[in-house]
Amino acid sequence: MKKKVQVIIFAVIFFGISLTAWVSPDKEYSEAERRLLAKMPQISLESIVDGSFEEGFEKYTTDQFPLRDQFRTVKALFEYKVFGKKDNNDLYEADGHVAQILWPYNAGSVTNATDKFGSIYENLIAGTASEDKVYVSVIPDKGYYMAEASGRPVIDYEQMFSQVKEEMDYAKYIDITKDLELRSYYTTDLHWKQENILPVTEVIGQAMGLESAGKADRLEQVEAKPDFRGVYYGQSALPLPAEPIYYLTNDVIEGAVTFNFETNQEGKVYDLDGLNGKDPYDVYLSGPTPLLTIENPAAETDRQLVIFRDSFGSSLAPLLIEDYAKITLVDIRYIQSGFLGQFIEFDGQDVLFIYGTTILNDSSLLK
């Protein structure tokens, strides 16, 4: 009798899940994983013969499985708590933070990045009034502050920093590692918190001779979203709490005007509509874009800055606005370096190359 009851319960669960899977509408996008979900593949004789239908159908059923996110959480907890795994899909949790394992060290990738930066310098900056105003800084990922202590693989960060210094000897290196700590980053995201990087902007400001950078008394902190969950939240499938996302502002920042060359539109420094998009971090300068300028009508100087950056630069640049009449942000993940001469003429601007260790260790996206 007991076995019959177990069989009946299993059958009810199995057929219930199967029925739910077939009658529920397909989802197009996973908010948790921030990716498009597989759709039902087209059935044809060719796709059946070559096996593509079977492969596509397997991906479809996996992506559209009922309660998929809940099952992913159970799986992740089992792997951590029961099987004692150190990571899940190269992500790990320690001290309430989720981080991605950065391993192994890829010196060739770092050289690929510095070669691209060097080409920009040689072709566009060398011989101009900007050639003695070039700076470089490397943003450590969270693993710099948590990997070794938690027993995870850790790259030789000092080797990376030294390699960047040596291969970019035309630039003044700004060390910001001591001005960051684990709390400088979101718990479920790779990015730093804008409200916690004022020590970084102060160090950058001192190196570049700025007056306002890093001055907390000149800024107001505004809560943009109370329940921010970063990209690692969905990817890790761990049940971690949300946290607020803030932005720092004042009259100068509010009065600044951005121009996005990709959309050909003007905008504000903080895009509040971006908070409701796929990545709330897009509140900072509307997220990734190849080329964007910030004009400061209230500037008391004609000084300008060009920043070659990844996504970290979106939250850094607003904190430098007061010291410049114009800031140009360039993301060579989305624009060919060889095209930059059509948009930027270097003639005395400050130039800052600032990239995260994750990008440098896998620089294949840089163009």
Protein backbone atom coordinates (compact mmCIF):
# COMPACT_ATOMS: atom_id res chain seq x y z
CA MET A 1 0.00 0.00 0.00
CA LYS A 2 2.82 2.38 0.89
CA LYS A 3 4.53 1.77 -2.46
CA LYS A 4 1.26 2.38 -4.32
CA VAL A 5 0.84 5.73 -2.57
CA GLN A 6 4.41 6.69 -3.47
CA VAL A 7 3.83 5.75 -7.11
CA ILE A 8 0.58 7.74 -7.22
CA ILE A 9 2.23 10.81 -5.67
CA PHE A 10 5.12 10.58 -8.14
CA ALA A 11 2.71 10.17 -11.07
CA VAL A 12 0.63 13.17 -9.97
CA ILE A 13 3.76 15.36 -9.63
CA PHE A 14 5.18 14.14 -12.95
CA PHE A 15 2.01 14.61 -14.96
CA GLY A 16 1.22 17.86 -13.16
CA ILE A 17 4.59 19.34 -14.11
CA SER A 18 4.26 17.99 -17.67
CA LEU A 19 0.79 19.48 -18.06
CA THR A 20 1.93 22.81 -16.65
CA ALA A 21 4.87 22.86 -19.08
CA TRP A 22 2.60 22.31 -22.09
CA VAL A 23 -0.22 24.74 -21.18
CA SER A 24 1.93 27.58 -19.79
CA PRO A 25 2.95 30.26 -22.31
CA ASP A 26 6.63 30.30 -23.21
CA LYS A 27 8.82 32.95 -21.65
CA GLU A 28 11.03 34.99 -23.95
CA TYR A 29 13.50 36.31 -21.38
CA SER A 30 14.92 35.25 -18.03
CA GLU A 31 15.12 38.23 -15.68
CA ALA A 32 17.23 36.22 -13.25
CA GLU A 33 19.82 35.10 -15.80
CA ARG A 34 19.50 38.17 -18.05
CA ARG A 35 19.36 36.18 -21.26
CA LEU A 36 16.91 35.15 -23.96
CA LEU A 37 15.32 31.74 -23.44
CA ALA A 38 15.17 29.04 -26.10
CA LYS A 39 12.06 28.78 -28.26
CA MET A 40 10.35 25.69 -29.63
CA PRO A 41 12.40 24.63 -32.69
CA GLN A 42 10.79 24.18 -36.07
CA ILE A 43 10.07 20.55 -36.95
CA SER A 44 11.26 19.37 -40.34
CA LEU A 45 12.59 16.17 -41.86
CA GLU A 46 16.00 17.78 -42.26
CA SER A 47 16.17 18.96 -38.62
CA ILE A 48 15.16 15.50 -37.39
CA VAL A 49 17.72 13.74 -39.57
CA ASP A 50 20.66 16.03 -38.70
CA GLY A 51 19.78 16.06 -35.00
CA SER A 52 19.30 19.84 -34.72
CA PHE A 53 15.65 19.43 -33.68
CA GLU A 54 16.57 17.13 -30.83
CA GLU A 55 19.28 19.53 -29.65
CA GLY A 56 16.99 22.55 -29.92
CA PHE A 57 14.11 20.77 -28.20
CA GLU A 58 16.36 19.78 -25.27
CA LYS A 59 17.40 23.43 -24.81
CA TYR A 60 13.77 24.53 -25.15
CA THR A 61 12.44 22.13 -22.51
CA THR A 62 15.27 23.02 -20.12
CA ASP A 63 14.67 26.77 -20.49
CA GLN A 64 10.87 26.56 -20.32
CA PHE A 65 10.66 24.06 -17.46
CA PRO A 66 8.06 25.11 -14.81
CA LEU A 67 9.53 26.56 -11.60
CA ARG A 68 12.91 26.57 -13.33
CA ASP A 69 14.40 29.33 -11.16
CA GLN A 70 13.29 27.58 -7.96
CA PHE A 71 14.85 24.30 -9.09
CA ARG A 72 18.06 26.14 -10.00
CA THR A 73 18.19 27.54 -6.46
CA VAL A 74 17.69 24.10 -4.91
CA LYS A 75 20.44 22.69 -7.18
CA ALA A 76 22.86 25.49 -6.26
CA LEU A 77 22.23 25.06 -2.52
CA PHE A 78 22.70 21.30 -2.80
CA GLU A 79 26.02 21.71 -4.59
CA TYR A 80 27.28 24.19 -2.00
CA LYS A 81 25.84 22.81 1.23
CA VAL A 82 25.59 19.07 0.57
CA PHE A 83 28.29 18.29 -1.99
CA GLY A 84 30.67 20.97 -0.73
CA LYS A 85 31.48 22.40 -4.15
CA LYS A 86 33.64 25.52 -4.17
CA ASP A 87 31.77 27.16 -7.03
CA ASN A 88 28.73 26.89 -9.27
CA ASN A 89 29.28 27.81 -12.94
CA ASP A 90 32.53 29.57 -11.93
CA LEU A 91 30.66 31.68 -9.37
CA TYR A 92 31.16 31.43 -5.63
CA GLU A 93 29.77 33.00 -2.48
CA ALA A 94 31.81 34.26 0.47
CA ASP A 95 31.11 36.88 3.13
CA GLY A 96 27.68 37.50 1.61
CA HIS A 97 29.17 38.40 -1.79
CA VAL A 98 29.02 36.47 -5.05
CA ALA A 99 32.05 36.71 -7.31
CA GLN A 100 33.30 35.07 -10.48
CA ILE A 101 36.47 33.01 -10.45
CA LEU A 102 39.14 34.83 -12.46
CA TRP A 103 41.53 32.06 -13.45
CA PRO A 104 44.02 31.41 -14.94
CA TYR A 105 46.08 34.53 -15.50
CA ASN A 106 46.20 35.37 -19.20
CA ALA A 107 49.28 37.48 -19.89
CA GLY A 108 48.64 37.27 -23.62
CA SER A 109 45.21 38.81 -23.18
CA VAL A 110 46.66 41.66 -21.14
CA THR A 111 49.20 42.31 -23.88
CA ASN A 112 46.42 42.23 -26.48
CA ALA A 113 44.64 44.97 -24.51
CA THR A 114 47.73 47.13 -23.98
CA ASP A 115 48.63 46.73 -27.66
CA LYS A 116 45.24 48.19 -28.59
CA PHE A 117 45.70 51.04 -26.10
CA GLY A 118 49.23 51.60 -27.42
CA SER A 119 47.93 51.78 -30.99
CA ILE A 120 45.43 54.45 -29.93
CA TYR A 121 48.21 56.37 -28.23
CA GLU A 122 50.62 56.15 -31.18
CA ASN A 123 48.04 56.96 -33.87
CA LEU A 124 45.97 59.62 -32.13
CA ILE A 125 47.69 61.00 -29.02
CA ALA A 126 51.49 60.93 -29.46
CA GLY A 127 52.83 64.24 -30.72
CA THR A 128 49.77 66.18 -29.58
CA ALA A 129 49.28 68.41 -26.54
CA SER A 130 47.68 65.42 -24.80
CA GLU A 131 50.69 63.08 -24.93
CA ASP A 132 51.95 64.11 -21.46
CA LYS A 133 48.46 63.93 -19.93
CA VAL A 134 47.82 60.21 -20.27
CA TYR A 135 46.90 58.09 -17.22
CA VAL A 136 46.02 54.44 -16.68
CA SER A 137 44.37 52.58 -13.82
CA VAL A 138 43.22 49.00 -13.30
CA ILE A 139 40.02 48.24 -11.39
CA PRO A 140 40.39 45.01 -9.38
CA ASP A 141 37.47 42.59 -9.50
CA LYS A 142 35.97 41.38 -6.22
CA GLY A 143 38.24 38.35 -6.23
CA TYR A 144 41.15 40.62 -5.34
CA TYR A 145 39.53 41.12 -1.93
CA MET A 146 37.91 37.72 -1.33
CA ALA A 147 39.26 34.85 -3.47
CA GLU A 148 42.40 33.89 -1.56
CA ALA A 149 40.81 34.18 1.89
CA SER A 150 37.91 31.96 0.79
CA GLY A 151 40.16 29.27 -0.68
CA ARG A 152 39.36 29.93 -4.34
CA PRO A 153 41.91 30.11 -7.17
CA VAL A 154 43.47 33.56 -7.41
CA ILE A 155 45.52 35.10 -10.19
CA ASP A 156 48.70 37.07 -9.60
CA TYR A 157 47.12 40.51 -9.58
CA GLU A 158 50.42 42.24 -8.90
CA GLN A 159 51.81 40.66 -12.04
CA MET A 160 48.89 42.06 -14.03
CA PHE A 161 49.34 45.56 -12.59
CA SER A 162 53.09 45.44 -13.30
CA GLN A 163 52.51 44.21 -16.83
CA VAL A 164 50.10 47.08 -17.54
CA LYS A 165 52.60 49.60 -16.15
CA GLU A 166 55.47 48.22 -18.24
CA GLU A 167 53.52 47.90 -21.47
CA MET A 168 51.91 51.34 -21.08
CA ASP A 169 55.03 53.26 -20.05
CA TYR A 170 53.72 56.35 -21.85
CA ALA A 171 50.96 56.64 -19.21
CA LYS A 172 51.12 57.58 -15.52
CA TYR A 173 49.82 54.63 -13.47
CA ILE A 174 47.21 55.36 -10.76
CA ASP A 175 46.96 52.61 -8.12
CA ILE A 176 43.42 52.43 -6.66
CA THR A 177 43.58 48.99 -5.01
CA LYS A 178 44.05 50.43 -1.52
CA ASP A 179 41.09 52.77 -1.96
CA LEU A 180 38.65 49.93 -2.53
CA GLU A 181 37.44 47.11 -0.32
CA LEU A 182 34.84 44.36 -0.60
CA ARG A 183 32.06 46.69 0.56
CA SER A 184 32.86 48.94 -2.39
CA TYR A 185 31.06 46.43 -4.63
CA TYR A 186 27.47 45.21 -4.89
CA THR A 187 26.95 41.84 -3.21
CA THR A 188 25.33 40.23 -6.26
CA ASP A 189 27.04 42.16 -9.06
CA LEU A 190 30.52 42.68 -10.45
CA HIS A 191 30.30 46.49 -10.36
CA TRP A 192 31.33 48.91 -7.67
CA LYS A 193 28.87 51.10 -5.76
CA GLN A 194 29.11 54.70 -6.86
CA GLU A 195 28.55 55.97 -3.30
CA ASN A 196 31.55 53.93 -2.11
CA ILE A 197 34.15 54.99 -4.69
CA LEU A 198 34.74 58.57 -3.59
CA PRO A 199 38.20 57.55 -2.25
CA VAL A 200 38.98 56.31 -5.78
CA THR A 201 37.88 59.56 -7.43
CA GLU A 202 39.91 61.49 -4.87
CA VAL A 203 43.08 59.53 -5.72
CA ILE A 204 42.42 59.95 -9.43
CA GLY A 205 41.75 63.63 -8.84
CA GLN A 206 45.01 64.11 -6.97
CA ALA A 207 46.98 62.35 -9.71
CA MET A 208 45.35 64.44 -12.43
CA GLY A 209 45.32 67.74 -10.54
CA LEU A 210 41.54 68.00 -10.06
CA GLU A 211 39.85 70.05 -7.35
CA SER A 212 36.36 68.59 -6.84
CA ALA A 213 36.77 64.83 -7.38
CA GLY A 214 36.07 62.78 -4.26
CA LYS A 215 34.57 65.64 -2.24
CA ALA A 216 31.57 64.03 -0.53
CA ASP A 217 30.28 67.35 0.85
CA ARG A 218 29.61 68.50 -2.72
CA LEU A 219 27.28 65.58 -3.50
CA GLU A 220 23.83 64.34 -2.52
CA GLN A 221 23.10 60.63 -2.31
CA VAL A 222 19.78 59.57 -3.85
CA GLU A 223 18.22 56.12 -3.65
CA ALA A 224 17.37 55.08 -7.20
CA LYS A 225 16.06 51.56 -6.56
CA PRO A 226 15.57 49.81 -3.20
CA ASP A 227 15.75 46.22 -4.44
CA PHE A 228 18.68 45.93 -6.83
CA ARG A 229 19.87 42.42 -7.71
CA GLY A 230 22.94 42.17 -9.90
CA VAL A 231 23.92 39.86 -12.73
CA TYR A 232 25.45 37.30 -10.35
CA TYR A 233 22.15 36.88 -8.50
CA GLY A 234 20.47 35.01 -11.32
CA GLN A 235 23.59 33.30 -12.59
CA SER A 236 24.47 31.86 -9.19
CA ALA A 237 20.81 30.98 -8.36
CA LEU A 238 21.58 31.62 -4.69
CA PRO A 239 18.82 33.15 -2.50
CA LEU A 240 20.67 36.34 -1.59
CA PRO A 241 18.94 39.54 -0.44
CA ALA A 242 18.50 42.61 -2.62
CA GLU A 243 20.17 45.92 -1.80
CA PRO A 244 19.63 49.57 -2.77
CA ILE A 245 21.26 51.21 -5.75
CA TYR A 246 22.13 54.90 -5.26
CA TYR A 247 23.47 57.72 -7.39
CA LEU A 248 25.40 60.81 -6.34
CA THR A 249 24.38 64.16 -7.74
CA ASN A 250 24.37 67.94 -7.39
CA ASP A 251 23.29 70.95 -9.45
CA VAL A 252 26.30 70.69 -11.77
CA ILE A 253 25.70 67.01 -12.53
CA GLU A 254 21.96 67.58 -12.97
CA GLY A 255 22.68 70.39 -15.40
CA ALA A 256 25.13 68.40 -17.53
CA VAL A 257 24.00 67.17 -20.95
CA THR A 258 25.00 63.85 -22.52
CA PHE A 259 25.10 63.03 -26.22
CA ASN A 260 24.98 59.41 -27.33
CA PHE A 261 26.57 59.00 -30.77
CA GLU A 262 24.90 55.59 -31.25
CA THR A 263 21.34 56.86 -30.73
CA ASN A 264 22.08 60.43 -31.84
CA GLN A 265 20.21 61.71 -28.79
CA GLU A 266 20.86 64.07 -25.90
CA GLY A 267 20.09 62.97 -22.38
CA LYS A 268 20.79 63.26 -18.67
CA VAL A 269 23.72 61.85 -16.72
CA TYR A 270 21.38 59.57 -14.79
CA ASP A 271 18.85 57.67 -16.88
CA LEU A 272 16.09 56.84 -14.40
CA ASP A 273 14.19 54.90 -17.07
CA GLY A 274 17.14 52.51 -17.15
CA LEU A 275 16.22 51.34 -13.66
CA ASN A 276 13.27 49.46 -15.15
CA GLY A 277 15.29 47.80 -17.90
CA LYS A 278 17.16 44.51 -17.99
CA ASP A 279 20.09 45.93 -16.00
CA PRO A 280 19.31 48.68 -13.45
CA TYR A 281 23.02 49.62 -13.49
CA ASP A 282 22.15 51.32 -16.79
CA VAL A 283 20.93 54.25 -14.67
CA TYR A 284 24.52 55.48 -15.00
CA LEU A 285 24.90 57.18 -18.40
CA SER A 286 22.28 54.85 -19.94
CA GLY A 287 24.59 51.84 -19.83
CA PRO A 288 27.08 50.56 -22.43
CA THR A 289 27.53 52.66 -25.53
CA PRO A 290 30.42 53.08 -28.01
CA LEU A 291 30.83 56.84 -27.75
CA LEU A 292 29.25 59.38 -25.43
CA THR A 293 30.03 62.95 -24.42
CA ILE A 294 29.09 64.90 -21.30
CA GLU A 295 28.94 68.70 -21.62
CA ASN A 296 29.07 70.79 -18.44
CA PRO A 297 27.46 74.23 -19.03
CA ALA A 298 28.42 75.31 -15.50
CA ALA A 299 32.12 74.59 -15.99
CA GLU A 300 34.54 77.21 -14.69
CA THR A 301 37.28 75.78 -16.90
CA ASP A 302 37.75 74.73 -20.52
CA ARG A 303 39.52 71.55 -19.45
CA GLN A 304 38.45 68.30 -21.15
CA LEU A 305 38.85 64.59 -20.46
CA VAL A 306 38.71 61.46 -22.64
CA ILE A 307 38.06 58.18 -20.81
CA PHE A 308 38.69 54.81 -22.43
CA ARG A 309 36.61 52.53 -20.25
CA ASP A 310 34.42 49.52 -19.65
CA SER A 311 31.12 49.57 -17.73
CA PHE A 312 32.77 50.69 -14.47
CA GLY A 313 33.40 54.06 -16.11
CA SER A 314 29.68 54.78 -16.34
CA SER A 315 29.43 55.39 -12.60
CA LEU A 316 32.90 56.95 -12.29
CA ALA A 317 32.59 59.67 -14.95
CA PRO A 318 29.72 61.60 -13.28
CA LEU A 319 31.94 62.18 -10.24
CA LEU A 320 34.51 63.97 -12.43
CA ILE A 321 32.09 66.31 -14.23
CA GLU A 322 32.64 69.34 -11.99
CA ASP A 323 36.29 69.58 -13.02
CA TYR A 324 35.70 69.49 -16.77
CA ALA A 325 33.84 71.35 -19.47
CA LYS A 326 33.55 68.16 -21.49
CA ILE A 327 34.10 64.47 -20.88
CA THR A 328 34.21 61.96 -23.75
CA LEU A 329 33.71 58.29 -22.93
CA VAL A 330 34.94 55.65 -25.37
CA ASP A 331 34.15 51.93 -25.12
CA ILE A 332 36.20 50.04 -27.70
CA ARG A 333 34.20 46.90 -27.06
CA TYR A 334 31.60 48.49 -29.32
CA ILE A 335 33.60 50.69 -31.71
CA GLN A 336 36.68 49.96 -33.79
CA SER A 337 39.75 51.79 -32.48
CA GLY A 338 40.67 52.75 -36.03
CA PHE A 339 37.49 54.82 -36.39
CA LEU A 340 38.13 57.06 -33.37
CA GLY A 341 40.03 59.68 -35.35
CA GLN A 342 36.77 60.50 -37.12
CA PHE A 343 35.19 61.55 -33.83
CA ILE A 344 37.96 62.74 -31.50
CA GLU A 345 40.84 65.11 -32.13
CA PHE A 346 43.33 65.12 -29.28
CA ASP A 347 44.51 68.62 -28.47
CA GLY A 348 45.34 68.96 -24.80
CA GLN A 349 42.65 66.81 -23.22
CA ASP A 350 43.45 64.64 -20.20
CA VAL A 351 43.29 60.96 -21.19
CA LEU A 352 42.40 58.14 -18.79
CA PHE A 353 42.50 54.44 -19.62
CA ILE A 354 40.61 52.61 -16.85
CA TYR A 355 39.58 48.97 -17.13
CA GLY A 356 38.61 46.11 -14.85
CA THR A 357 40.80 43.05 -14.40
CA THR A 358 38.09 40.83 -15.89
CA ILE A 359 38.21 42.67 -19.22
CA LEU A 360 42.01 42.72 -19.28
CA ASN A 361 42.19 38.99 -18.59
CA ASP A 362 39.80 38.32 -21.48
CA SER A 363 40.31 41.19 -23.91
CA SER A 364 38.95 39.50 -27.01
CA LEU A 365 35.99 41.93 -27.06
CA LEU A 366 38.24 44.98 -27.45
CA LYS A 367 38.31 46.21 -31.04
